Each structure stands twice: as C-alpha cells, then as structure tokens.
Amino acid sequence: MVSKNENYTNLDLDLFYTHFSNKIVPNYNTDPTKIIYDNLEGYSISKGASFQINKSFYIPLNISLGGTYLDVYTINEGEKNIELFTPSFSGVFSIGYEWPLNKIKLDYTGRIMGPMQLPTYEEEFARDEISPWYTLQHLKVEKRFTNKISAYLGVRNLFNFTQESPLVDPETGSNAATNESWQAGFSPNFDTAYVYGPTRGRRYIIGVSWKW
C-alpha cells in the first residue's frame, strides 16, 4: 500500500536454524506403484536467512524488497539428501506509485526463484536434476472512481516464462518384453511430480472491483 507524505525505511532480518531429530520420509523408489513411509534414520536440518526492506517516499511511491536463503537437507543412514523443490534463494519485490488527483495506482510486483533439486528419472526419461533461475513479474494499473468502485487492467507473467512439460512418459505405448500396453497417462513410468515453475504463460486481466 502506498504511504503518502511519509519518508521512512524499514529493515527486517531473520536467521533461523531447525534440527529435526525424527521425521517421516516417503520412499518412491522401492516400488513405483507405492509410496512407502518410514521413520528417518538420522536427522534433518533446515537453516537460512531472510530479509525484508520497505521504503516509502514523500511522493506516493513505495518500494519493497525481500529475499530468503535456504539450506535444507536430510542425513539418512549416513547419506546426505538435499530436500526436493526447495530453492536455495527466493525473492520478492514490489513497486507502487499513485497519482492522487487522477486516482490511478500502478503496482509492479514479482518474485525470483533460485535453483532447486528436482526428482531423478531413468535415463530414457531423464530431466535436469536442478531447476534454472527464473522470475515471474506482474503489472497492474487501477483506476478508482469512488471509494467503493474501481477498475483495473493487468498483465500476469509479464515475460511469459513457463517450464517444460511436468509430465513424464505421458504417451501411449507398449513393452514387448512383458507384452504390456497402456493408454496415454497410464504408463508404468508416468509421473506428474516434475513441477517446479508455472505451466501457464502470459495472461491479460481486466476487471471491476466493488466494495460493499
């Protein structure tokens, strides 16, 4: 929210460390048709740091910036495993500006996602085991007509970023060795777990807001 006639800066900094002496862990590899849960033979660590900066100016401009660094892993039977889908860094930002006389407000927001560990698959269906850096950014312009009614235009996912298909082996097929055949989506290797980013591209929005 834009603050008017104020000039200030807020800074928050957090450090955290959590040691899990016990944890329920899923096993997806022993039997592809089952998820086997068991207690952790070891421990799990979650540690990191986060910051948040908010800056407001005398003019109706507000800027916010935040970020989190994470290091999450599990030691199980002496082996270190990095937690899946946990980005090493994630950040958010927002810029808001308002033209009070025209009752128009502009909001530019976004987030940045760092690399994260991804599931591994057999060589035939191999995918990257580390996700790339990516950013999602959004733009919105709002016009206020009264204290209760406003209209807005916007763009979501401004740079049209999408990940590759999250589906593993979704096609029809057969296995000559086992004389097995399957329809699309029923392969023994079919998996939907490879999701680390958006699958929808740029979108345009238009709407009316009415507050009761």
Foldseek 3Di string as FASTA:
>chain_A
DFDAQDWDKDKDKDWDKDKAQKDWDWDCPPAVVDTDIDIAQFIKMKTWMKMKMWTHDNARKIKIKMKIAIFIWTQGPNDIGGDFLDFRMKMKMKIKHADVVQQKIKIKIKMKTAKGAFDADPPVQGDDRIDHIDMWMKIKMKGDPDPFKIKMKMKTRVVFDADPQLWTQQQWDADPVVRGTDHGRPDSRTDNRGDNDHHGTMDIDIDMGGHD
